Amino acid sequence: MTKHRNFRPLLACVSIVAIGACSHGAPAQTGMQQPATQVDARADAQSNTGLRKVADDLAASGRHQAAIPLYRHIASTSGDPGAMLALAGSLSAQGAHGEAVSVLEILAKRGQLNADGRYLLGKTRLALGDYEGALDAFDGAADQMPMDGRVISGRGIALAALGRTEAAMAAFSNAIDATSLSNMALVTAASGNPDDAIGILEPLVTGGLVSVQGRQNLAMAYLLAGREADARRMARVDLEPQTIDETFTFYRSLASLDPAHRMQALVVGTIDPSWTPAEKANLTVADSVAQQEAAKRVLSHEEPVRIAAAPAPAPVPEPAPAPKDRSNYVLTEVPPLLEPEGWALQIAAYRSLEELMRGWTILYRQSGDLLENVPPRRSEVDFGNTGKKPHGFYYRLNAGPLRTLAEARTLCHQLKERGTDCWIRPPEKSEGKLPGPADVAEANKTTEATVADSRETAPKDN
């Protein structure tokens, strides 16, 4: 493989192959059967019912960092395969794909890996660049759920990354869901047929059937087809100019690769093999009806409106002022360190101050109405070079300080409704710990207490 400069998009889930949701969530816990020899393990699992419910609630709401230590505890004390599968899902959601694979392979050796588990094993192996292993896992999942769109996409992507383009297109022949069709278009564009990819993607975008990732796949197809003006119009529905430039540089660098390596680069989001997806910033781009409508206007050759500027409110006896246009906002000063007082929301983590400042810029343009009186702050953490994940130095992007826990909860909920991940940091740093029975009872009333106790336990920052 030819050595290239290390180009990568700033944002997660943009222009990177998706075979399910953008984030790697825990698989569905259905159909998991335990051998008769696991009676004792089931009895132990029963005693962990309250703890498991807390962990499942946390994972379902995207708080995988807090769920992981709970799943570890349940799995280590009971051997429950359902808890192990959920643990692998949360590890994968945090980018710890290697550890997730290890957990899933243990289940496979025990004969306790169901179809959803095989799909997750394929997805994590794909993220690690183990395309043969991913294909093997997806084949196993396809034996049990051959029409599942996630499995169809996974098999097609793995085959394309192995250079088996014809087999990949054949794998997509039964695709009917929008995600599989979007991935089929991605394989089509990567194999040198961007015009055909455009023909697949434009109806999906016009119908509002795909979100950010599908729109950016269309932008890539336009660029590879030499239609840069169309590519930029589509890309700017979701991205700001500097990110578009960096992403397009990444797309152009694909031109010198053969189709198999081109597909591999799209899977891991990089040209340089020394860089891994674990190094990505974790700020994601939210989707909205306004963005979907703007994309439709692009395809109808109408000029899209600025997404950041909401329409003026309907006339009332005392007309409200029009929302501020924050599309030109740029953070120009490095935020100060997080004060040791007041609650705060952690938004993302970055390797450099420049990326942190750009992350806040993008977030403020999207949600400045919520953050008008909430300044950005940073905190810093060095995990050292122990060989374990997370490792190295990170700058954490925080919003705050906030006066009360209730205020922090409300703001975090509002941001999550717009697609931005966040979690609450207490005024003083607290080390993670497993809750006892009394803590579990309290956590059943509100999972936020568990979140506050578990913030530093898993590799959110890698």
Protein backbone atom coordinates (compact mmCIF):
# COMPACT_ATOMS: atom_id res chain seq x y z
CA MET A 1 0.00 0.00 0.00
CA THR A 2 1.40 3.36 -1.02
CA LYS A 3 2.34 5.74 1.80
CA HIS A 4 0.17 8.85 1.93
CA ARG A 5 -0.26 11.80 4.17
CA ASN A 6 -2.53 11.16 7.08
CA PHE A 7 -5.84 12.74 6.04
CA ARG A 8 -8.89 12.28 8.26
CA PRO A 9 -12.22 14.01 8.81
CA LEU A 10 -12.68 15.82 12.13
CA LEU A 11 -16.07 14.38 12.97
CA ALA A 12 -17.05 10.85 13.81
CA CYS A 13 -19.77 9.19 11.71
CA VAL A 14 -19.22 11.45 8.70
CA SER A 15 -18.00 9.79 5.49
CA ILE A 16 -17.18 6.62 7.41
CA VAL A 17 -18.91 3.37 6.49
CA ALA A 18 -21.94 2.70 8.71
CA ILE A 19 -23.54 -0.74 8.83
CA GLY A 20 -26.05 0.12 11.53
CA ALA A 21 -26.46 3.28 13.50
CA CYS A 22 -23.60 5.74 13.48
CA SER A 23 -22.52 4.76 16.96
CA HIS A 24 -21.84 1.18 17.87
CA GLY A 25 -24.65 0.32 20.25
CA ALA A 26 -25.18 -2.84 22.25
CA PRO A 27 -26.91 -5.64 20.31
CA ALA A 28 -30.41 -6.73 21.03
CA GLN A 29 -30.62 -9.24 23.83
CA THR A 30 -32.88 -11.75 22.15
CA GLY A 31 -32.66 -15.47 21.60
CA MET A 32 -29.75 -15.98 23.99
CA GLN A 33 -29.86 -19.58 25.25
CA GLN A 34 -27.74 -20.95 28.08
CA PRO A 35 -26.71 -24.61 28.45
CA ALA A 36 -28.05 -26.58 31.39
CA THR A 37 -24.60 -26.42 32.97
CA GLN A 38 -25.15 -22.69 33.51
CA VAL A 39 -27.87 -23.11 36.16
CA ASP A 40 -25.61 -21.68 38.86
CA ALA A 41 -24.65 -18.80 36.60
CA ARG A 42 -28.32 -18.03 36.04
CA ALA A 43 -28.91 -18.03 39.76
CA ASP A 44 -26.05 -15.59 40.22
CA ALA A 45 -27.42 -13.44 37.40
CA GLN A 46 -30.80 -13.34 39.15
CA SER A 47 -29.18 -11.72 42.15
CA ASN A 48 -27.78 -9.07 39.80
CA THR A 49 -31.19 -8.20 38.33
CA GLY A 50 -31.24 -4.68 39.76
CA LEU A 51 -27.67 -3.97 38.69
CA ARG A 52 -28.34 -5.31 35.19
CA LYS A 53 -31.38 -3.08 34.81
CA VAL A 54 -29.27 -0.04 35.70
CA ALA A 55 -26.59 -1.09 33.19
CA ASP A 56 -29.14 -1.74 30.43
CA ASP A 57 -30.80 1.64 31.05
CA LEU A 58 -27.44 3.38 30.86
CA ALA A 59 -26.47 1.60 27.63
CA ALA A 60 -29.88 2.26 26.06
CA SER A 61 -29.43 5.98 26.70
CA GLY A 62 -25.90 5.97 25.23
CA ARG A 63 -24.08 6.13 28.59
CA HIS A 64 -21.80 3.20 27.75
CA GLN A 65 -18.93 4.56 29.82
CA ALA A 66 -21.00 4.15 32.98
CA ALA A 67 -22.54 0.83 31.87
CA ILE A 68 -19.23 -0.93 31.20
CA PRO A 69 -18.06 -1.44 34.81
CA LEU A 70 -21.51 -2.72 35.77
CA TYR A 71 -21.55 -5.25 32.91
CA ARG A 72 -18.00 -6.31 33.85
CA HIS A 73 -19.11 -6.97 37.42
CA ILE A 74 -22.15 -9.01 36.35
CA ALA A 75 -20.17 -11.00 33.76
CA SER A 76 -17.33 -11.79 36.18
CA THR A 77 -19.62 -12.90 39.01
CA SER A 78 -22.24 -14.80 37.02
CA GLY A 79 -20.78 -15.62 33.61
CA ASP A 80 -24.10 -14.48 32.13
CA PRO A 81 -23.67 -14.54 28.32
CA GLY A 82 -26.30 -11.82 27.93
CA ALA A 83 -24.24 -9.50 30.14
CA MET A 84 -21.07 -10.41 28.23
CA LEU A 85 -22.76 -9.63 24.92
CA ALA A 86 -23.99 -6.31 26.29
CA LEU A 87 -20.48 -5.59 27.61
CA ALA A 88 -19.04 -6.19 24.13
CA GLY A 89 -21.64 -3.84 22.64
CA SER A 90 -20.78 -1.04 25.07
CA LEU A 91 -17.03 -1.58 24.60
CA SER A 92 -17.49 -1.32 20.84
CA ALA A 93 -19.58 1.83 21.33
CA GLN A 94 -16.60 3.35 23.17
CA GLY A 95 -14.16 2.38 20.39
CA ALA A 96 -12.57 -0.47 22.39
CA HIS A 97 -13.07 -2.90 19.50
CA GLY A 98 -10.14 -5.18 20.40
CA GLU A 99 -11.49 -5.88 23.87
CA ALA A 100 -15.00 -6.32 22.47
CA VAL A 101 -13.70 -8.97 20.05
CA SER A 102 -12.01 -10.81 22.93
CA VAL A 103 -15.28 -10.95 24.87
CA LEU A 104 -17.24 -12.14 21.83
CA GLU A 105 -14.68 -14.82 20.97
CA ILE A 106 -15.02 -16.22 24.51
CA LEU A 107 -18.77 -16.51 23.92
CA ALA A 108 -18.14 -18.19 20.55
CA LYS A 109 -15.86 -20.81 22.15
CA ARG A 110 -18.59 -21.54 24.70
CA GLY A 111 -21.20 -21.94 21.95
CA GLN A 112 -23.16 -19.00 23.39
CA LEU A 113 -22.87 -16.50 20.53
CA ASN A 114 -26.21 -15.83 18.87
CA ALA A 115 -26.89 -14.12 15.53
CA ASP A 116 -26.76 -10.60 16.96
CA GLY A 117 -23.46 -11.48 18.63
CA ARG A 118 -22.00 -12.74 15.33
CA TYR A 119 -23.10 -9.53 13.66
CA LEU A 120 -21.39 -7.49 16.39
CA LEU A 121 -18.26 -9.64 16.06
CA GLY A 122 -18.21 -8.91 12.33
CA LYS A 123 -18.66 -5.19 12.92
CA THR A 124 -15.85 -4.97 15.48
CA ARG A 125 -13.47 -7.02 13.34
CA LEU A 126 -14.30 -4.75 10.42
CA ALA A 127 -13.39 -1.71 12.53
CA LEU A 128 -10.06 -3.37 13.36
CA GLY A 129 -9.27 -4.03 9.68
CA ASP A 130 -9.67 -7.82 10.01
CA TYR A 131 -11.72 -8.19 6.85
CA GLU A 132 -11.44 -12.00 6.52
CA GLY A 133 -12.49 -12.44 10.14
CA ALA A 134 -15.32 -9.94 9.68
CA LEU A 135 -16.62 -11.79 6.63
CA ASP A 136 -16.54 -15.09 8.52
CA ALA A 137 -18.59 -13.58 11.37
CA PHE A 138 -21.10 -11.94 9.01
CA ASP A 139 -21.49 -15.24 7.14
CA GLY A 140 -22.37 -16.89 10.44
CA ALA A 141 -24.94 -14.20 11.19
CA ALA A 142 -26.38 -14.50 7.66
CA ASP A 143 -27.11 -18.20 8.22
CA GLN A 144 -29.61 -17.17 10.91
CA MET A 145 -30.88 -13.81 9.61
CA PRO A 146 -30.13 -13.61 5.86
CA MET A 147 -32.39 -10.62 5.17
CA ASP A 148 -31.12 -8.43 8.01
CA GLY A 149 -29.94 -5.14 6.47
CA ARG A 150 -27.05 -4.82 8.91
CA VAL A 151 -25.70 -8.24 7.93
CA ILE A 152 -26.16 -7.56 4.21
CA SER A 153 -24.20 -4.32 4.54
CA GLY A 154 -21.49 -5.94 6.66
CA ARG A 155 -20.92 -8.78 4.20
CA GLY A 156 -20.87 -6.40 1.22
CA ILE A 157 -18.38 -4.04 2.86
CA ALA A 158 -16.08 -6.87 4.00
CA LEU A 159 -16.08 -8.41 0.51
CA ALA A 160 -15.32 -5.04 -1.09
CA ALA A 161 -12.45 -4.43 1.36
CA LEU A 162 -11.03 -7.83 0.34
CA GLY A 163 -11.09 -6.75 -3.31
CA ARG A 164 -13.99 -9.05 -4.22
CA THR A 165 -16.10 -6.32 -5.83
CA GLU A 166 -18.40 -8.56 -7.89
CA ALA A 167 -19.18 -10.70 -4.84
CA ALA A 168 -19.80 -7.52 -2.84
CA MET A 169 -22.34 -6.23 -5.34
CA ALA A 170 -24.00 -9.65 -5.39
CA ALA A 171 -24.24 -9.48 -1.58
CA PHE A 172 -26.18 -6.24 -1.91
CA SER A 173 -28.60 -7.70 -4.48
CA ASN A 174 -31.24 -8.35 -1.79
CA ALA A 175 -30.79 -4.94 -0.14
CA ILE A 176 -34.01 -3.01 0.43
CA ASP A 177 -33.27 -0.84 3.47
CA ALA A 178 -31.80 2.65 3.03
CA THR A 179 -28.57 1.97 4.96
CA SER A 180 -27.73 -1.08 2.83
CA LEU A 181 -28.49 0.82 -0.37
CA SER A 182 -26.32 3.73 0.80
CA ASN A 183 -23.45 1.31 1.47
CA MET A 184 -23.98 -0.36 -1.90
CA ALA A 185 -23.60 3.09 -3.45
CA LEU A 186 -20.41 3.62 -1.44
CA VAL A 187 -18.95 0.35 -2.78
CA THR A 188 -20.06 1.34 -6.28
CA ALA A 189 -18.31 4.72 -6.03
CA ALA A 190 -15.17 3.19 -4.51
CA SER A 191 -14.98 0.67 -7.37
CA GLY A 192 -14.80 3.51 -9.89
CA ASN A 193 -18.46 4.06 -10.80
CA PRO A 194 -19.46 7.28 -9.01
CA ASP A 195 -22.22 8.11 -11.52
CA ASP A 196 -23.99 4.84 -10.71
CA ALA A 197 -23.57 5.62 -7.01
CA ILE A 198 -25.19 9.02 -7.53
CA GLY A 199 -28.15 7.31 -9.21
CA ILE A 200 -28.65 5.19 -6.07
CA LEU A 201 -28.15 7.95 -3.51
CA GLU A 202 -30.09 10.88 -4.97
CA PRO A 203 -33.53 9.20 -4.56
CA LEU A 204 -32.63 8.22 -0.99
CA VAL A 205 -31.72 11.81 -0.11
CA THR A 206 -34.76 13.24 -1.91
CA GLY A 207 -37.00 10.84 -0.01
CA GLY A 208 -35.45 11.77 3.33
CA LEU A 209 -34.48 8.10 3.85
CA VAL A 210 -30.85 8.72 4.84
CA SER A 211 -29.28 11.04 7.36
CA VAL A 212 -25.90 12.77 7.64
CA GLN A 213 -23.82 9.80 6.57
CA GLY A 214 -25.90 9.11 3.45
CA ARG A 215 -25.77 12.77 2.41
CA GLN A 216 -22.01 12.85 2.80
CA ASN A 217 -21.70 9.64 0.78
CA LEU A 218 -23.53 11.50 -1.99
CA ALA A 219 -21.13 14.42 -1.62
CA MET A 220 -18.22 12.00 -2.01
CA ALA A 221 -19.79 10.44 -5.12
CA TYR A 222 -20.27 13.91 -6.64
CA LEU A 223 -16.62 14.76 -5.95
CA LEU A 224 -15.32 11.49 -7.43
CA ALA A 225 -17.50 12.17 -10.50
CA GLY A 226 -15.87 15.59 -10.98
CA ARG A 227 -18.94 17.54 -9.80
CA GLU A 228 -17.23 19.58 -7.09
CA ALA A 229 -19.83 22.36 -7.00
CA ASP A 230 -22.61 19.82 -6.35
CA ALA A 231 -20.40 18.07 -3.80
CA ARG A 232 -19.85 21.27 -1.84
CA ARG A 233 -23.52 22.23 -1.91
CA MET A 234 -24.46 18.84 -0.46
CA ALA A 235 -21.62 18.76 2.09
CA ARG A 236 -22.40 22.20 3.50
CA VAL A 237 -25.85 21.01 4.57
CA ASP A 238 -24.08 19.30 7.50
CA LEU A 239 -20.49 20.55 7.68
CA GLU A 240 -18.66 23.83 8.09
CA PRO A 241 -16.12 24.98 5.43
CA GLN A 242 -12.87 23.85 7.07
CA THR A 243 -14.20 20.37 7.76
CA ILE A 244 -15.45 20.15 4.16
CA ASP A 245 -11.97 21.04 2.88
CA GLU A 246 -10.31 18.38 5.06
CA THR A 247 -12.90 15.75 4.15
CA PHE A 248 -12.58 16.48 0.43
CA THR A 249 -8.79 16.22 0.71
CA PHE A 250 -9.36 12.76 2.17
CA TYR A 251 -11.67 11.83 -0.73
CA ARG A 252 -9.20 13.07 -3.35
CA SER A 253 -6.42 11.02 -1.75
CA LEU A 254 -8.47 7.89 -2.49
CA ALA A 255 -7.99 8.35 -6.24
CA SER A 256 -4.47 6.88 -6.22
CA LEU A 257 -5.58 3.68 -4.47
CA ASP A 258 -6.90 0.49 -6.04
CA PRO A 259 -10.59 -0.25 -5.28
CA ALA A 260 -9.88 -2.67 -2.41
CA HIS A 261 -7.55 -0.27 -0.59
CA ARG A 262 -9.94 2.58 -1.36
CA MET A 263 -12.71 0.67 0.41
CA GLN A 264 -10.42 -0.18 3.33
CA ALA A 265 -9.59 3.50 3.73
CA LEU A 266 -13.29 4.33 3.85
CA VAL A 267 -13.90 1.64 6.48
CA VAL A 268 -11.30 2.96 8.92
CA GLY A 269 -11.50 6.61 7.84
CA THR A 270 -7.80 7.05 7.10
CA ILE A 271 -5.10 6.57 4.50
CA ASP A 272 -2.21 6.15 6.93
CA PRO A 273 -2.29 2.68 8.59
CA SER A 274 -0.52 4.08 11.67
CA TRP A 275 -3.67 6.03 12.61
CA THR A 276 -6.68 4.20 14.03
CA PRO A 277 -10.33 5.17 14.50
CA ALA A 278 -9.71 5.30 18.25
CA GLU A 279 -7.90 8.61 17.73
CA LYS A 280 -10.99 10.35 16.36
CA ALA A 281 -12.73 13.15 18.15
CA ASN A 282 -16.11 12.02 19.39
CA LEU A 283 -18.27 15.04 18.53
CA THR A 284 -20.92 13.92 16.06
CA VAL A 285 -23.11 15.86 13.65
CA ALA A 286 -26.81 15.78 14.54
CA ASP A 287 -29.47 15.29 11.90
CA SER A 288 -32.68 17.31 11.69
CA VAL A 289 -35.72 17.80 9.49
CA ALA A 290 -34.28 21.19 8.46
CA GLN A 291 -31.12 19.51 7.17
CA GLN A 292 -33.13 16.88 5.30
CA GLU A 293 -35.22 19.59 3.66
CA ALA A 294 -32.10 21.58 2.78
CA ALA A 295 -30.62 18.51 1.06
CA LYS A 296 -33.82 18.09 -0.95
CA ARG A 297 -33.55 21.73 -2.08
CA VAL A 298 -29.96 21.10 -3.21
CA LEU A 299 -31.15 18.25 -5.42
CA SER A 300 -34.00 20.39 -6.79
CA HIS A 301 -31.37 23.07 -7.65
CA GLU A 302 -32.72 25.51 -5.11
CA GLU A 303 -30.18 27.31 -2.92
CA PRO A 304 -30.25 25.77 0.59
CA VAL A 305 -30.85 28.01 3.56
CA ARG A 306 -28.38 28.21 6.44
CA ILE A 307 -29.22 25.40 8.81
CA ALA A 308 -27.90 27.32 11.84
CA ALA A 309 -30.48 30.10 11.44
CA ALA A 310 -33.96 28.99 12.50
CA PRO A 311 -36.96 30.67 10.79
CA ALA A 312 -38.36 33.78 12.45
CA PRO A 313 -41.29 33.10 14.78
CA ALA A 314 -44.85 33.70 13.64
CA PRO A 315 -46.11 37.26 14.17
CA VAL A 316 -47.60 37.93 17.60
CA PRO A 317 -48.78 41.13 19.31
CA GLU A 318 -45.20 41.51 20.59
CA PRO A 319 -43.08 39.93 17.84
CA ALA A 320 -40.12 38.01 19.18
CA PRO A 321 -36.74 38.92 17.70
CA ALA A 322 -35.42 36.64 14.96
CA PRO A 323 -32.97 33.97 16.16
CA LYS A 324 -29.33 34.94 16.04
CA ASP A 325 -27.35 33.82 13.01
CA ARG A 326 -24.40 31.94 14.52
CA SER A 327 -23.15 30.49 11.24
CA ASN A 328 -20.03 32.71 11.34
CA TYR A 329 -19.22 32.11 15.01
CA VAL A 330 -15.63 30.97 15.67
CA LEU A 331 -14.02 30.25 19.05
CA THR A 332 -10.72 32.16 18.93
CA GLU A 333 -9.37 31.73 22.47
CA VAL A 334 -8.35 28.56 24.26
CA PRO A 335 -10.96 27.86 26.97
CA PRO A 336 -9.67 28.01 30.54
CA LEU A 337 -9.24 24.91 32.65
CA LEU A 338 -12.37 23.57 34.31
CA GLU A 339 -12.80 25.22 37.70
CA PRO A 340 -13.07 22.91 40.72
CA GLU A 341 -16.59 24.19 41.44
CA GLY A 342 -19.93 23.96 39.72
CA TRP A 343 -21.28 21.13 37.60
CA ALA A 344 -20.19 20.80 33.96
CA LEU A 345 -21.06 18.78 30.86
CA GLN A 346 -18.28 16.88 29.10
CA ILE A 347 -18.94 17.00 25.36
CA ALA A 348 -15.92 15.45 23.64
CA ALA A 349 -12.17 14.78 23.90
CA TYR A 350 -9.40 15.75 21.51
CA ARG A 351 -5.69 15.35 21.01
CA SER A 352 -5.06 19.04 20.30
CA LEU A 353 -6.35 22.42 21.44
CA GLU A 354 -7.08 23.36 17.83
CA GLU A 355 -9.48 20.42 17.43
CA LEU A 356 -11.09 21.26 20.79
CA MET A 357 -11.74 24.85 19.68
CA ARG A 358 -13.20 23.72 16.37
CA GLY A 359 -15.38 21.19 18.19
CA TRP A 360 -16.91 23.96 20.31
CA THR A 361 -17.31 26.16 17.22
CA ILE A 362 -19.37 23.48 15.47
CA LEU A 363 -21.42 22.73 18.59
CA TYR A 364 -22.14 26.42 19.27
CA ARG A 365 -23.25 27.03 15.69
CA GLN A 366 -25.76 24.19 16.06
CA SER A 367 -26.94 24.80 19.65
CA GLY A 368 -25.91 28.34 20.55
CA ASP A 369 -29.43 29.09 21.75
CA LEU A 370 -28.88 26.55 24.54
CA LEU A 371 -25.28 27.58 25.23
CA GLU A 372 -25.70 31.37 25.13
CA ASN A 373 -24.73 31.78 28.78
CA VAL A 374 -22.68 28.59 29.17
CA PRO A 375 -18.99 29.13 28.44
CA PRO A 376 -16.64 26.45 27.11
CA ARG A 377 -14.07 25.02 29.50
CA ARG A 378 -11.42 22.40 29.14
CA SER A 379 -10.02 19.75 31.43
CA GLU A 380 -6.89 17.74 30.77
CA VAL A 381 -6.02 14.14 31.43
CA ASP A 382 -2.90 12.07 30.79
CA PHE A 383 -3.41 8.31 30.86
CA GLY A 384 0.30 7.69 30.19
CA ASN A 385 1.75 5.09 27.85
CA THR A 386 0.86 1.91 29.72
CA GLY A 387 -0.04 0.01 26.56
CA LYS A 388 -3.68 -0.10 27.62
CA LYS A 389 -6.59 1.97 26.39
CA PRO A 390 -7.13 4.83 26.90
CA HIS A 391 -3.56 6.08 26.54
CA GLY A 392 -1.79 9.37 26.06
CA PHE A 393 -2.86 12.95 26.67
CA TYR A 394 -6.31 14.39 25.93
CA TYR A 395 -8.01 17.77 26.11
CA ARG A 396 -11.62 17.38 27.24
CA LEU A 397 -14.23 19.86 26.05
CA ASN A 398 -16.67 20.86 28.79
CA ALA A 399 -19.61 23.25 28.98
CA GLY A 400 -19.93 25.03 32.30
CA PRO A 401 -19.69 25.60 35.15
CA LEU A 402 -23.39 25.15 35.90
CA ARG A 403 -24.89 26.08 39.25
CA THR A 404 -26.90 22.96 40.05
CA LEU A 405 -27.17 19.30 39.11
CA ALA A 406 -30.73 19.94 37.91
CA GLU A 407 -29.49 22.62 35.51
CA ALA A 408 -26.79 20.27 34.21
CA ARG A 409 -29.32 17.46 33.67
CA THR A 410 -31.71 19.73 31.79
CA LEU A 411 -29.03 21.09 29.46
CA CYS A 412 -27.57 17.63 28.78
CA HIS A 413 -31.04 16.31 27.94
CA GLN A 414 -31.65 19.20 25.53
CA LEU A 415 -28.30 18.64 23.77
CA LYS A 416 -28.93 14.90 23.46
CA GLU A 417 -32.29 15.61 21.84
CA ARG A 418 -30.31 17.41 19.13
CA GLY A 419 -27.91 14.50 18.68
CA THR A 420 -24.94 15.70 20.79
CA ASP A 421 -23.55 13.26 23.33
CA CYS A 422 -22.77 14.64 26.79
CA TRP A 423 -22.48 13.51 30.36
CA ILE A 424 -22.42 15.29 33.69
CA ARG A 425 -19.19 15.96 35.59
CA PRO A 426 -19.53 16.70 39.33
CA PRO A 427 -17.86 19.73 40.96
CA GLU A 428 -15.06 17.55 42.32
CA LYS A 429 -13.43 14.65 40.48
CA SER A 430 -14.77 11.29 41.67
CA GLU A 431 -13.16 7.93 40.95
CA GLY A 432 -15.42 5.21 39.54
CA LYS A 433 -16.66 2.48 41.87
CA LEU A 434 -19.13 -0.35 41.69
CA PRO A 435 -22.32 0.34 43.62
CA GLY A 436 -23.46 -1.84 46.49
CA PRO A 437 -27.05 -3.05 47.05
CA ALA A 438 -28.09 0.26 48.63
CA ASP A 439 -26.61 2.17 45.69
CA VAL A 440 -28.49 -0.04 43.25
CA ALA A 441 -31.79 0.78 44.95
CA GLU A 442 -31.02 4.47 44.70
CA ALA A 443 -29.85 4.09 41.09
CA ASN A 444 -33.17 2.53 40.17
CA LYS A 445 -34.74 5.86 41.11
CA THR A 446 -32.31 7.84 38.94
CA THR A 447 -29.47 6.56 36.80
CA GLU A 448 -27.71 9.91 36.96
CA ALA A 449 -26.13 9.01 40.32
CA THR A 450 -24.48 6.00 38.71
CA VAL A 451 -23.27 8.17 35.85
CA ALA A 452 -21.59 10.63 38.25
CA ASP A 453 -19.81 7.77 40.06
CA SER A 454 -18.56 6.08 36.91
CA ARG A 455 -17.25 8.86 34.66
CA GLU A 456 -13.55 7.95 34.65
CA THR A 457 -13.87 4.16 34.29
CA ALA A 458 -13.92 3.50 30.52
CA PRO A 459 -12.04 4.76 27.44
CA LYS A 460 -14.39 7.57 26.45
CA ASP A 461 -11.36 9.62 25.42
CA ASN A 462 -9.69 7.23 23.02
